[in-house]
Amino acid sequence: MTLANRPTPTSGPTVMLVDDDETDQLIYKRVIARAGKLGEVISFYYADEALDFLKRDDRRKVDVIFLDINLPRMSGFEFLETATQELGERFTEAVIVMLTTSLNPKDRERADEFEVVKSFINKPLTVDDVESVVDILGQGRPL
């Protein structure tokens, strides 16, 4: 079965993808589908819009957030700070995975300051990366 014909998983952990690059989003969706272990993917180009979604009471539970660091309007780090303050426990239920092209060790150090950040991945996202995130989800997190 080709990737184009592969069914999109309808059950499994829900993923939020926050990245301002349309091409990256398309690639990540394909990688996530190829891994076949995650469910619905909810995409946002802007962190502030993702935050607005997370604030909604009628939203679907989000299990994993793949978050780019360098975003317009609100950076990935600003998103983490704001979401942690405004959403509290509702936010800390998700596994946050930082995605970046940055090789600056200070970005990794800053990400480590947030308890919710469970992984820091240099782009591009791979099937192995997705499988590592699934392993993180399986360690004591209800799915």
N, C-alpha and C. Protein backbone atom coordinates (compact mmCIF):
# COMPACT_ATOMS: atom_id res chain seq x y z
N MET A 1 0.85 -1.17 0.00
CA MET A 1 0.00 0.00 0.00
C MET A 1 0.90 1.24 0.00
N THR A 2 0.64 2.16 -0.88
CA THR A 2 1.43 3.38 -0.93
C THR A 2 1.00 4.31 0.19
N LEU A 3 1.87 5.23 0.54
CA LEU A 3 1.57 6.17 1.61
C LEU A 3 0.31 6.97 1.28
N ALA A 4 0.15 7.35 0.04
CA ALA A 4 -1.01 8.15 -0.35
C ALA A 4 -2.32 7.39 -0.10
N ASN A 5 -2.29 6.06 -0.22
CA ASN A 5 -3.48 5.26 -0.03
C ASN A 5 -3.64 4.72 1.38
N ARG A 6 -2.64 4.94 2.21
CA ARG A 6 -2.67 4.42 3.56
C ARG A 6 -3.74 5.15 4.37
N PRO A 7 -4.57 4.41 5.10
CA PRO A 7 -5.59 5.08 5.89
C PRO A 7 -4.96 5.87 7.04
N THR A 8 -5.56 7.01 7.33
CA THR A 8 -5.10 7.81 8.46
C THR A 8 -5.64 7.19 9.73
N PRO A 9 -4.78 7.02 10.75
CA PRO A 9 -5.29 6.44 11.98
C PRO A 9 -6.38 7.32 12.57
N THR A 10 -7.44 6.69 13.06
CA THR A 10 -8.53 7.45 13.64
C THR A 10 -8.53 7.32 15.16
N SER A 11 -7.81 6.35 15.68
CA SER A 11 -7.70 6.22 17.12
C SER A 11 -6.24 6.28 17.49
N GLY A 12 -6.00 6.39 18.75
CA GLY A 12 -4.62 6.54 19.20
C GLY A 12 -4.40 7.94 19.70
N PRO A 13 -3.21 8.19 20.20
CA PRO A 13 -2.91 9.50 20.77
C PRO A 13 -3.12 10.63 19.75
N THR A 14 -3.74 11.69 20.20
CA THR A 14 -3.97 12.86 19.36
C THR A 14 -2.73 13.74 19.37
N VAL A 15 -2.36 14.22 18.20
CA VAL A 15 -1.15 15.01 18.01
C VAL A 15 -1.53 16.44 17.63
N MET A 16 -0.83 17.39 18.25
CA MET A 16 -0.92 18.78 17.81
C MET A 16 0.43 19.12 17.19
N LEU A 17 0.39 19.66 16.00
CA LEU A 17 1.59 20.06 15.28
C LEU A 17 1.58 21.57 15.15
N VAL A 18 2.63 22.22 15.70
CA VAL A 18 2.72 23.68 15.65
C VAL A 18 4.02 24.04 14.95
N ASP A 19 3.90 24.41 13.68
CA ASP A 19 5.06 24.76 12.85
C ASP A 19 4.57 25.69 11.75
N ASP A 20 5.30 26.77 11.53
CA ASP A 20 4.86 27.77 10.55
C ASP A 20 5.25 27.43 9.12
N ASP A 21 5.96 26.34 8.91
CA ASP A 21 6.40 25.98 7.56
C ASP A 21 5.46 24.91 6.99
N GLU A 22 4.77 25.28 5.93
CA GLU A 22 3.78 24.38 5.32
C GLU A 22 4.41 23.08 4.83
N THR A 23 5.59 23.16 4.23
CA THR A 23 6.27 21.96 3.74
C THR A 23 6.64 21.05 4.90
N ASP A 24 7.18 21.62 5.96
CA ASP A 24 7.51 20.81 7.14
C ASP A 24 6.27 20.11 7.68
N GLN A 25 5.16 20.83 7.74
CA GLN A 25 3.93 20.22 8.24
C GLN A 25 3.51 19.03 7.38
N LEU A 26 3.59 19.18 6.07
CA LEU A 26 3.23 18.07 5.19
C LEU A 26 4.14 16.86 5.41
N ILE A 27 5.43 17.13 5.53
CA ILE A 27 6.40 16.04 5.77
C ILE A 27 6.10 15.36 7.10
N TYR A 28 5.87 16.15 8.15
CA TYR A 28 5.63 15.57 9.47
C TYR A 28 4.36 14.73 9.50
N LYS A 29 3.33 15.20 8.81
CA LYS A 29 2.09 14.42 8.74
C LYS A 29 2.34 13.07 8.06
N ARG A 30 3.15 13.08 7.02
CA ARG A 30 3.47 11.81 6.33
C ARG A 30 4.30 10.90 7.22
N VAL A 31 5.26 11.47 7.94
CA VAL A 31 6.09 10.68 8.84
C VAL A 31 5.23 10.09 9.96
N ILE A 32 4.34 10.88 10.53
CA ILE A 32 3.45 10.41 11.58
C ILE A 32 2.55 9.30 11.04
N ALA A 33 2.01 9.48 9.85
CA ALA A 33 1.16 8.44 9.24
C ALA A 33 1.96 7.18 8.97
N ARG A 34 3.18 7.34 8.47
CA ARG A 34 4.02 6.17 8.17
C ARG A 34 4.33 5.37 9.43
N ALA A 35 4.54 6.07 10.55
CA ALA A 35 4.81 5.38 11.81
C ALA A 35 3.59 4.57 12.25
N GLY A 36 2.39 5.06 11.95
CA GLY A 36 1.16 4.32 12.19
C GLY A 36 0.81 4.11 13.65
N LYS A 37 1.37 4.90 14.55
CA LYS A 37 1.14 4.66 15.98
C LYS A 37 0.46 5.83 16.69
N LEU A 38 0.19 6.88 15.96
CA LEU A 38 -0.48 8.04 16.53
C LEU A 38 -1.79 8.25 15.80
N GLY A 39 -2.67 9.00 16.40
CA GLY A 39 -3.99 9.23 15.82
C GLY A 39 -4.09 10.52 15.04
N GLU A 40 -5.17 11.23 15.30
CA GLU A 40 -5.49 12.47 14.59
C GLU A 40 -4.38 13.51 14.79
N VAL A 41 -4.11 14.27 13.72
CA VAL A 41 -3.14 15.36 13.78
C VAL A 41 -3.90 16.67 13.60
N ILE A 42 -3.74 17.55 14.59
CA ILE A 42 -4.34 18.88 14.55
C ILE A 42 -3.20 19.85 14.30
N SER A 43 -3.29 20.64 13.23
CA SER A 43 -2.16 21.49 12.82
C SER A 43 -2.44 22.97 13.02
N PHE A 44 -1.38 23.67 13.42
CA PHE A 44 -1.42 25.12 13.54
C PHE A 44 -0.12 25.69 13.00
N TYR A 45 -0.23 26.83 12.33
CA TYR A 45 0.96 27.53 11.85
C TYR A 45 1.47 28.54 12.88
N TYR A 46 0.61 28.93 13.81
CA TYR A 46 0.96 29.94 14.81
C TYR A 46 0.68 29.41 16.20
N ALA A 47 1.63 29.65 17.11
CA ALA A 47 1.51 29.15 18.47
C ALA A 47 0.34 29.79 19.22
N ASP A 48 0.07 31.06 18.95
CA ASP A 48 -1.04 31.71 19.65
C ASP A 48 -2.38 31.07 19.27
N GLU A 49 -2.52 30.62 18.04
CA GLU A 49 -3.75 29.93 17.63
C GLU A 49 -3.85 28.56 18.28
N ALA A 50 -2.72 27.87 18.41
CA ALA A 50 -2.69 26.57 19.10
C ALA A 50 -3.08 26.76 20.56
N LEU A 51 -2.58 27.82 21.17
CA LEU A 51 -2.91 28.11 22.56
C LEU A 51 -4.40 28.39 22.72
N ASP A 52 -4.97 29.16 21.80
CA ASP A 52 -6.41 29.43 21.84
C ASP A 52 -7.20 28.12 21.76
N PHE A 53 -6.75 27.20 20.92
CA PHE A 53 -7.41 25.90 20.81
C PHE A 53 -7.33 25.15 22.14
N LEU A 54 -6.16 25.15 22.76
CA LEU A 54 -5.99 24.42 24.02
C LEU A 54 -6.84 25.01 25.15
N LYS A 55 -7.19 26.26 25.06
CA LYS A 55 -8.00 26.91 26.09
C LYS A 55 -9.48 26.53 25.98
N ARG A 56 -9.88 26.01 24.84
CA ARG A 56 -11.29 25.68 24.62
C ARG A 56 -11.72 24.49 25.48
N ASP A 57 -12.89 24.58 26.06
CA ASP A 57 -13.42 23.48 26.87
C ASP A 57 -13.95 22.34 26.00
N ASP A 58 -14.33 22.64 24.77
CA ASP A 58 -14.95 21.63 23.90
C ASP A 58 -13.95 20.94 22.98
N ARG A 59 -12.68 21.10 23.24
CA ARG A 59 -11.66 20.51 22.37
C ARG A 59 -11.39 19.06 22.72
N ARG A 60 -10.82 18.37 21.75
CA ARG A 60 -10.36 17.00 21.96
C ARG A 60 -9.07 17.04 22.79
N LYS A 61 -8.87 16.03 23.64
CA LYS A 61 -7.65 15.94 24.44
C LYS A 61 -6.46 15.79 23.51
N VAL A 62 -5.39 16.51 23.79
CA VAL A 62 -4.16 16.45 23.00
C VAL A 62 -3.12 15.69 23.82
N ASP A 63 -2.56 14.64 23.22
CA ASP A 63 -1.59 13.80 23.93
C ASP A 63 -0.15 14.21 23.67
N VAL A 64 0.13 14.65 22.44
CA VAL A 64 1.49 15.01 22.04
C VAL A 64 1.44 16.34 21.30
N ILE A 65 2.39 17.22 21.63
CA ILE A 65 2.51 18.47 20.89
C ILE A 65 3.92 18.53 20.32
N PHE A 66 4.01 18.52 18.98
CA PHE A 66 5.27 18.76 18.29
C PHE A 66 5.34 20.27 18.07
N LEU A 67 6.31 20.92 18.70
CA LEU A 67 6.35 22.38 18.76
C LEU A 67 7.66 22.91 18.20
N ASP A 68 7.56 23.69 17.14
CA ASP A 68 8.73 24.37 16.58
C ASP A 68 9.15 25.47 17.55
N ILE A 69 10.43 25.74 17.62
CA ILE A 69 10.92 26.80 18.50
C ILE A 69 10.73 28.17 17.85
N ASN A 70 11.16 28.28 16.61
CA ASN A 70 11.15 29.58 15.92
C ASN A 70 9.86 29.77 15.14
N LEU A 71 8.95 30.50 15.76
CA LEU A 71 7.65 30.78 15.16
C LEU A 71 7.39 32.28 15.15
N PRO A 72 6.67 32.77 14.15
CA PRO A 72 6.30 34.20 14.16
C PRO A 72 5.21 34.45 15.21
N ARG A 73 5.08 35.66 15.63
CA ARG A 73 4.05 36.13 16.57
C ARG A 73 4.29 35.64 18.00
N MET A 74 4.53 34.37 18.19
CA MET A 74 4.77 33.80 19.51
C MET A 74 5.72 32.62 19.32
N SER A 75 6.89 32.68 19.92
CA SER A 75 7.86 31.59 19.76
C SER A 75 7.39 30.35 20.52
N GLY A 76 8.05 29.24 20.25
CA GLY A 76 7.74 28.01 20.97
C GLY A 76 7.96 28.17 22.47
N PHE A 77 9.00 28.89 22.86
CA PHE A 77 9.26 29.11 24.28
C PHE A 77 8.21 30.02 24.92
N GLU A 78 7.77 31.04 24.19
CA GLU A 78 6.69 31.89 24.71
C GLU A 78 5.40 31.08 24.86
N PHE A 79 5.16 30.20 23.92
CA PHE A 79 4.00 29.31 23.99
C PHE A 79 4.07 28.46 25.27
N LEU A 80 5.24 27.86 25.53
CA LEU A 80 5.40 27.03 26.72
C LEU A 80 5.15 27.83 28.00
N GLU A 81 5.73 29.02 28.07
CA GLU A 81 5.56 29.86 29.26
C GLU A 81 4.09 30.22 29.47
N THR A 82 3.44 30.67 28.41
CA THR A 82 2.05 31.10 28.51
C THR A 82 1.12 29.93 28.81
N ALA A 83 1.30 28.83 28.12
CA ALA A 83 0.44 27.67 28.32
C ALA A 83 0.60 27.11 29.74
N THR A 84 1.82 27.07 30.22
CA THR A 84 2.06 26.57 31.58
C THR A 84 1.35 27.45 32.60
N GLN A 85 1.44 28.77 32.43
CA GLN A 85 0.80 29.71 33.36
C GLN A 85 -0.72 29.68 33.26
N GLU A 86 -1.23 29.70 32.04
CA GLU A 86 -2.68 29.86 31.85
C GLU A 86 -3.46 28.56 31.93
N LEU A 87 -2.85 27.44 31.57
CA LEU A 87 -3.58 26.18 31.54
C LEU A 87 -3.24 25.23 32.67
N GLY A 88 -2.11 25.43 33.30
CA GLY A 88 -1.73 24.59 34.44
C GLY A 88 -1.73 23.11 34.11
N GLU A 89 -2.43 22.32 34.93
CA GLU A 89 -2.44 20.86 34.75
C GLU A 89 -3.01 20.42 33.42
N ARG A 90 -3.96 21.15 32.90
CA ARG A 90 -4.53 20.78 31.59
C ARG A 90 -3.45 20.74 30.53
N PHE A 91 -2.45 21.59 30.66
CA PHE A 91 -1.36 21.64 29.68
C PHE A 91 -0.32 20.57 29.96
N THR A 92 -0.03 20.32 31.22
CA THR A 92 1.05 19.39 31.57
C THR A 92 0.68 17.94 31.33
N GLU A 93 -0.56 17.66 30.94
CA GLU A 93 -0.96 16.30 30.59
C GLU A 93 -0.36 15.86 29.26
N ALA A 94 -0.02 16.80 28.40
CA ALA A 94 0.51 16.48 27.08
C ALA A 94 2.02 16.29 27.13
N VAL A 95 2.52 15.48 26.22
CA VAL A 95 3.96 15.32 26.03
C VAL A 95 4.38 16.35 24.99
N ILE A 96 5.31 17.22 25.36
CA ILE A 96 5.77 18.26 24.45
C ILE A 96 7.10 17.83 23.84
N VAL A 97 7.16 17.91 22.52
CA VAL A 97 8.38 17.60 21.77
C VAL A 97 8.78 18.86 21.03
N MET A 98 9.95 19.38 21.36
CA MET A 98 10.45 20.57 20.68
C MET A 98 11.12 20.15 19.38
N LEU A 99 10.79 20.85 18.30
CA LEU A 99 11.40 20.62 16.99
C LEU A 99 12.20 21.85 16.61
N THR A 100 13.40 21.65 16.10
CA THR A 100 14.21 22.81 15.77
C THR A 100 15.27 22.50 14.72
N THR A 101 15.71 23.55 14.07
CA THR A 101 16.89 23.45 13.21
C THR A 101 18.08 24.06 13.93
N SER A 102 17.84 24.60 15.12
CA SER A 102 18.88 25.28 15.89
C SER A 102 19.91 24.29 16.42
N LEU A 103 21.16 24.65 16.30
CA LEU A 103 22.24 23.86 16.89
C LEU A 103 22.77 24.53 18.15
N ASN A 104 22.10 25.59 18.58
CA ASN A 104 22.52 26.35 19.75
C ASN A 104 22.20 25.54 21.02
N PRO A 105 23.22 25.18 21.80
CA PRO A 105 22.97 24.39 23.01
C PRO A 105 22.09 25.13 24.03
N LYS A 106 22.04 26.45 23.94
CA LYS A 106 21.19 27.21 24.87
C LYS A 106 19.71 26.93 24.63
N ASP A 107 19.33 26.62 23.39
CA ASP A 107 17.93 26.26 23.13
C ASP A 107 17.57 24.96 23.84
N ARG A 108 18.46 23.99 23.79
CA ARG A 108 18.21 22.72 24.48
C ARG A 108 18.15 22.95 25.99
N GLU A 109 19.05 23.75 26.51
CA GLU A 109 19.06 24.05 27.94
C GLU A 109 17.76 24.74 28.35
N ARG A 110 17.32 25.67 27.54
CA ARG A 110 16.07 26.37 27.85
C ARG A 110 14.89 25.41 27.81
N ALA A 111 14.87 24.52 26.83
CA ALA A 111 13.78 23.53 26.74
C ALA A 111 13.77 22.63 27.97
N ASP A 112 14.95 22.28 28.47
CA ASP A 112 15.05 21.42 29.64
C ASP A 112 14.49 22.08 30.90
N GLU A 113 14.35 23.40 30.89
CA GLU A 113 13.79 24.11 32.04
C GLU A 113 12.29 23.87 32.19
N PHE A 114 11.66 23.38 31.14
CA PHE A 114 10.22 23.12 31.17
C PHE A 114 9.98 21.64 31.41
N GLU A 115 9.33 21.33 32.52
CA GLU A 115 9.07 19.94 32.87
C GLU A 115 8.24 19.22 31.81
N VAL A 116 7.37 19.95 31.12
CA VAL A 116 6.50 19.33 30.12
C VAL A 116 7.25 18.90 28.86
N VAL A 117 8.42 19.46 28.61
CA VAL A 117 9.19 19.10 27.42
C VAL A 117 9.89 17.76 27.68
N LYS A 118 9.49 16.75 26.93
CA LYS A 118 10.01 15.40 27.14
C LYS A 118 11.03 15.00 26.09
N SER A 119 11.11 15.77 25.00
CA SER A 119 12.05 15.44 23.94
C SER A 119 12.42 16.70 23.17
N PHE A 120 13.63 16.71 22.64
CA PHE A 120 14.15 17.83 21.87
C PHE A 120 14.74 17.23 20.60
N ILE A 121 14.12 17.49 19.47
CA ILE A 121 14.48 16.82 18.21
C ILE A 121 14.94 17.85 17.19
N ASN A 122 16.08 17.58 16.60
CA ASN A 122 16.53 18.40 15.49
C ASN A 122 15.79 17.94 14.24
N LYS A 123 15.26 18.92 13.49
CA LYS A 123 14.53 18.62 12.26
C LYS A 123 15.47 17.96 11.26
N PRO A 124 14.94 17.10 10.44
CA PRO A 124 13.54 16.75 10.23
C PRO A 124 13.10 15.64 11.18
N LEU A 125 11.81 15.58 11.43
CA LEU A 125 11.20 14.53 12.22
C LEU A 125 11.27 13.23 11.43
N THR A 126 11.63 12.14 12.09
CA THR A 126 11.73 10.84 11.43
C THR A 126 10.76 9.84 12.08
N VAL A 127 10.57 8.72 11.43
CA VAL A 127 9.74 7.65 11.99
C VAL A 127 10.34 7.18 13.32
N ASP A 128 11.66 7.08 13.40
CA ASP A 128 12.30 6.69 14.66
C ASP A 128 11.99 7.69 15.76
N ASP A 129 11.97 8.99 15.43
CA ASP A 129 11.60 10.01 16.42
C ASP A 129 10.17 9.80 16.91
N VAL A 130 9.27 9.53 15.99
CA VAL A 130 7.87 9.31 16.36
C VAL A 130 7.77 8.08 17.26
N GLU A 131 8.49 7.03 16.92
CA GLU A 131 8.45 5.82 17.75
C GLU A 131 9.00 6.09 19.15
N SER A 132 10.01 6.95 19.26
CA SER A 132 10.53 7.34 20.58
C SER A 132 9.49 8.09 21.38
N VAL A 133 8.74 8.94 20.71
CA VAL A 133 7.67 9.69 21.39
C VAL A 133 6.57 8.73 21.84
N VAL A 134 6.24 7.75 21.04
CA VAL A 134 5.24 6.75 21.44
C VAL A 134 5.73 6.01 22.68
N ASP A 135 7.01 5.70 22.74
CA ASP A 135 7.59 5.07 23.94
C ASP A 135 7.42 5.96 25.16
N ILE A 136 7.66 7.26 25.00
CA ILE A 136 7.49 8.21 26.10
C ILE A 136 6.03 8.20 26.56
N LEU A 137 5.10 8.17 25.61
CA LEU A 137 3.68 8.14 25.94
C LEU A 137 3.32 6.90 26.75
N GLY A 138 3.97 5.80 26.43
CA GLY A 138 3.68 4.54 27.10
C GLY A 138 4.21 4.44 28.51
N GLN A 139 5.03 5.37 28.92
CA GLN A 139 5.64 5.32 30.25
C GLN A 139 4.77 6.04 31.27
N GLY A 140 3.70 5.37 31.65
CA GLY A 140 2.86 5.89 32.72
C GLY A 140 1.82 6.90 32.32
N ARG A 141 1.65 7.12 31.03
CA ARG A 141 0.63 8.09 30.60
C ARG A 141 -0.57 7.32 30.06
N PRO A 142 -1.75 7.62 30.58
CA PRO A 142 -2.94 6.96 30.04
C PRO A 142 -3.22 7.43 28.63
N LEU A 143 -3.52 6.49 27.76
CA LEU A 143 -3.84 6.84 26.39
C LEU A 143 -5.30 6.55 26.18
